[in-house]
N, C-alpha and C. Protein backbone atom coordinates (compact mmCIF):
# COMPACT_ATOMS: atom_id res chain seq x y z
N MET A 1 5.26 -14.55 -19.79
CA MET A 1 3.81 -14.28 -19.35
C MET A 1 3.70 -14.14 -17.85
N VAL A 2 4.52 -14.72 -17.09
CA VAL A 2 4.37 -14.60 -15.65
C VAL A 2 4.97 -13.21 -15.26
N ALA A 3 6.01 -12.58 -15.79
CA ALA A 3 6.49 -11.35 -15.45
C ALA A 3 5.29 -10.18 -15.86
N GLU A 4 4.67 -10.15 -17.15
CA GLU A 4 3.74 -9.62 -17.40
C GLU A 4 2.51 -9.52 -16.70
N SER A 5 2.08 -10.54 -16.04
CA SER A 5 0.82 -10.72 -15.25
C SER A 5 1.05 -10.51 -13.89
N ALA A 6 2.35 -10.14 -13.24
CA ALA A 6 2.76 -10.10 -11.97
C ALA A 6 2.14 -8.87 -11.33
N PRO A 7 1.53 -8.89 -9.98
CA PRO A 7 0.97 -7.66 -9.46
C PRO A 7 2.15 -6.66 -9.12
N ARG A 8 1.61 -5.62 -9.01
CA ARG A 8 2.71 -4.50 -8.72
C ARG A 8 2.67 -4.26 -7.16
N THR A 9 3.95 -4.22 -6.36
CA THR A 9 3.89 -4.10 -4.94
C THR A 9 4.01 -2.75 -4.33
N PHE A 10 3.29 -2.59 -3.36
CA PHE A 10 3.40 -1.26 -2.79
C PHE A 10 3.33 -1.17 -1.24
N ALA A 11 3.69 -0.35 -0.58
CA ALA A 11 3.56 -0.01 0.86
C ALA A 11 2.57 1.10 1.23
N VAL A 12 2.02 0.97 2.12
CA VAL A 12 1.20 2.05 2.65
C VAL A 12 1.78 2.74 3.90
N VAL A 13 2.18 3.77 3.96
CA VAL A 13 3.03 4.41 5.12
C VAL A 13 2.19 5.36 5.56
N GLN A 14 1.98 5.15 6.93
CA GLN A 14 1.23 6.17 7.67
C GLN A 14 2.37 7.20 8.21
N VAL A 15 1.77 8.69 8.22
CA VAL A 15 2.54 9.98 8.46
C VAL A 15 1.85 10.39 9.71
N PHE A 16 2.66 10.47 10.84
CA PHE A 16 2.00 11.01 12.15
C PHE A 16 2.34 12.62 12.29
N GLY A 17 1.29 13.36 12.41
CA GLY A 17 1.53 14.76 12.79
C GLY A 17 1.81 15.52 11.43
N GLU A 18 2.55 16.37 11.53
CA GLU A 18 3.08 17.40 10.60
C GLU A 18 4.52 16.71 9.99
N ARG A 19 4.60 15.37 9.59
CA ARG A 19 5.67 14.65 9.02
C ARG A 19 6.78 14.53 10.19
N LEU A 20 6.16 14.41 11.44
CA LEU A 20 7.30 14.35 12.41
C LEU A 20 7.69 12.86 12.61
N ASP A 21 6.88 11.82 12.23
CA ASP A 21 7.31 10.48 12.28
C ASP A 21 6.61 9.68 11.25
N ALA A 22 6.70 8.41 10.86
CA ALA A 22 6.34 7.76 9.94
C ALA A 22 6.40 6.17 10.23
N ARG A 23 5.60 5.43 9.63
CA ARG A 23 5.94 3.89 9.78
C ARG A 23 5.18 3.19 8.51
N ILE A 24 5.70 2.02 8.11
CA ILE A 24 5.08 1.31 7.24
C ILE A 24 3.87 0.61 7.79
N ALA A 25 2.62 0.91 7.58
CA ALA A 25 1.55 0.13 8.08
C ALA A 25 1.34 -1.12 7.32
N ALA A 26 1.46 -1.21 6.15
CA ALA A 26 1.02 -2.57 5.41
C ALA A 26 1.65 -2.68 4.00
N TRP A 27 1.71 -3.69 3.50
CA TRP A 27 2.26 -4.11 2.33
C TRP A 27 1.23 -4.63 1.53
N GLY A 28 1.26 -4.16 0.10
CA GLY A 28 0.25 -4.73 -0.61
C GLY A 28 0.65 -5.12 -1.99
N LEU A 29 -0.31 -5.98 -2.68
CA LEU A 29 -0.32 -6.24 -4.09
C LEU A 29 -1.40 -5.79 -4.98
N ALA A 30 -1.37 -5.25 -6.32
CA ALA A 30 -2.15 -4.61 -7.00
C ALA A 30 -2.08 -5.19 -8.35
N TRP A 31 -3.44 -5.58 -8.69
CA TRP A 31 -3.76 -6.15 -9.86
C TRP A 31 -4.83 -5.16 -10.66
N ASP A 32 -5.12 -5.24 -11.93
CA ASP A 32 -6.29 -4.29 -12.30
C ASP A 32 -7.44 -4.51 -11.50
N GLY A 33 -7.93 -3.59 -11.15
CA GLY A 33 -9.38 -3.68 -10.42
C GLY A 33 -9.56 -4.09 -8.87
N GLN A 34 -8.24 -4.45 -8.22
CA GLN A 34 -8.26 -5.05 -6.90
C GLN A 34 -6.91 -5.09 -6.30
N ALA A 35 -6.76 -5.09 -5.06
CA ALA A 35 -5.61 -5.08 -4.34
C ALA A 35 -5.82 -5.74 -3.04
N GLU A 36 -4.56 -6.40 -2.49
CA GLU A 36 -4.74 -7.04 -1.26
C GLU A 36 -3.56 -6.48 -0.42
N ILE A 37 -3.92 -6.10 0.95
CA ILE A 37 -2.98 -5.55 1.85
C ILE A 37 -2.88 -6.46 3.00
N VAL A 38 -1.57 -6.49 3.50
CA VAL A 38 -1.43 -7.30 4.84
C VAL A 38 -0.72 -6.42 5.82
N GLY A 39 -1.21 -6.11 6.92
CA GLY A 39 -0.52 -5.17 7.96
C GLY A 39 0.65 -5.78 8.48
N VAL A 40 1.80 -4.78 8.58
CA VAL A 40 3.17 -5.26 9.10
C VAL A 40 3.12 -5.96 10.38
N ASP A 41 1.91 -5.70 11.27
CA ASP A 41 1.69 -6.29 12.46
C ASP A 41 1.23 -7.68 12.48
N GLY A 42 0.61 -7.97 11.41
CA GLY A 42 -0.03 -9.30 11.36
C GLY A 42 -1.43 -9.21 11.72
N ASP A 43 -2.04 -8.16 11.96
CA ASP A 43 -3.49 -7.97 12.60
C ASP A 43 -4.43 -7.40 11.25
N LEU A 44 -3.94 -7.32 10.21
CA LEU A 44 -4.79 -6.88 9.09
C LEU A 44 -4.54 -7.62 7.76
N ARG A 45 -5.65 -7.95 7.06
CA ARG A 45 -5.60 -8.67 5.98
C ARG A 45 -6.88 -8.12 5.21
N ILE A 46 -6.89 -7.24 4.13
CA ILE A 46 -7.98 -6.87 3.49
C ILE A 46 -8.00 -6.65 1.98
N GLY A 47 -8.97 -7.23 1.18
CA GLY A 47 -9.15 -6.98 -0.02
C GLY A 47 -9.80 -5.63 -0.40
N VAL A 48 -9.23 -4.93 -1.32
CA VAL A 48 -9.83 -3.53 -1.58
C VAL A 48 -9.93 -3.47 -3.20
N ARG A 49 -10.65 -2.54 -3.77
CA ARG A 49 -10.70 -2.08 -5.13
C ARG A 49 -9.45 -1.70 -5.80
N SER A 50 -8.93 -0.84 -4.77
CA SER A 50 -7.53 -0.06 -5.48
C SER A 50 -6.57 0.27 -4.19
N PRO A 51 -5.52 0.36 -4.49
CA PRO A 51 -4.42 0.74 -3.46
C PRO A 51 -4.68 2.12 -2.86
N GLU A 52 -5.22 2.89 -3.52
CA GLU A 52 -5.70 4.19 -3.21
C GLU A 52 -6.95 4.04 -2.03
N ARG A 53 -7.81 3.17 -2.12
CA ARG A 53 -8.78 2.81 -1.14
C ARG A 53 -7.94 2.36 0.09
N ALA A 54 -7.08 1.36 0.00
CA ALA A 54 -6.37 0.90 1.15
C ALA A 54 -5.76 2.35 1.95
N CYS A 55 -5.18 3.26 1.15
CA CYS A 55 -4.49 4.24 1.83
C CYS A 55 -5.78 5.13 2.60
N ARG A 56 -6.99 5.14 2.12
CA ARG A 56 -8.01 5.82 2.74
C ARG A 56 -8.23 5.03 4.11
N LEU A 57 -8.24 3.72 3.90
CA LEU A 57 -8.70 2.96 5.15
C LEU A 57 -7.65 3.09 6.18
N LEU A 58 -6.34 3.27 5.90
CA LEU A 58 -5.33 3.36 6.97
C LEU A 58 -5.05 4.78 7.57
N ALA A 59 -5.71 5.72 6.70
CA ALA A 59 -5.56 7.25 7.33
C ALA A 59 -6.46 7.40 8.45
N GLN A 60 -6.17 7.89 9.47
CA GLN A 60 -7.02 8.06 10.52
C GLN A 60 -7.11 9.43 10.87
N PRO A 61 -8.38 10.09 11.46
CA PRO A 61 -8.68 11.25 11.59
C PRO A 61 -8.09 12.30 12.24
N HIS A 62 -7.03 11.71 13.53
CA HIS A 62 -6.32 12.53 14.22
C HIS A 62 -4.91 12.55 13.82
N ASP A 63 -4.55 13.31 12.93
CA ASP A 63 -3.37 13.80 12.43
C ASP A 63 -2.57 12.44 11.92
N VAL A 64 -3.14 11.48 11.35
CA VAL A 64 -2.44 10.52 10.71
C VAL A 64 -2.99 10.54 9.38
N SER A 65 -1.94 10.36 8.46
CA SER A 65 -2.22 10.39 6.90
C SER A 65 -1.53 9.10 6.41
N ALA A 66 -1.99 8.82 5.27
CA ALA A 66 -1.23 7.60 4.66
C ALA A 66 -1.17 8.02 3.37
N ARG A 67 0.26 7.43 2.90
CA ARG A 67 0.63 7.52 1.55
C ARG A 67 0.95 6.33 0.83
N LEU A 68 0.81 6.00 -0.54
CA LEU A 68 1.31 5.01 -1.11
C LEU A 68 2.67 5.07 -1.59
N VAL A 69 3.59 3.99 -1.53
CA VAL A 69 4.79 3.94 -2.01
C VAL A 69 5.08 2.72 -2.74
N TRP A 70 5.08 2.86 -4.19
CA TRP A 70 5.36 1.88 -5.27
C TRP A 70 6.67 1.43 -5.18
N LEU A 71 6.85 0.16 -5.10
CA LEU A 71 8.17 -0.59 -5.34
C LEU A 71 8.36 -0.65 -6.83
N PRO A 72 9.70 -0.69 -7.37
CA PRO A 72 9.97 -0.92 -8.72
C PRO A 72 9.44 -2.35 -9.09
N SER A 73 8.85 -2.45 -10.11
CA SER A 73 8.26 -3.74 -10.63
C SER A 73 9.24 -4.50 -11.64
N GLY A 74 10.20 -3.74 -11.95
CA GLY A 74 11.30 -4.53 -13.07
C GLY A 74 10.69 -4.44 -14.57
N LYS A 75 9.24 -4.15 -14.73
CA LYS A 75 8.68 -3.89 -15.94
C LYS A 75 9.36 -2.70 -16.67
N GLU A 76 9.57 -1.61 -15.79
CA GLU A 76 10.15 -0.40 -16.17
C GLU A 76 11.45 -0.37 -16.94
N SER A 77 12.28 -1.44 -16.57
CA SER A 77 13.57 -1.69 -17.19
C SER A 77 13.71 -2.24 -18.54
N ARG A 78 12.54 -2.72 -18.78
CA ARG A 78 12.30 -3.65 -20.02
C ARG A 78 12.01 -2.69 -21.22
């Protein structure tokens, strides 16, 4: 029961310029219809409707894009 209801874990990676540099900006947990993200610097904690929304929030207009990277959940191996 616990394993089946566990949230999926993801990172939001910010990419600078034309893929010249990148950093993990935040870690997140996703459930159906909601996600929570925490910035790696400790200065950000946000609840959002989806991990994709977190990505849009962490993308910045001047050459900074954001991408989701999903961690294996363990559910795939069952």
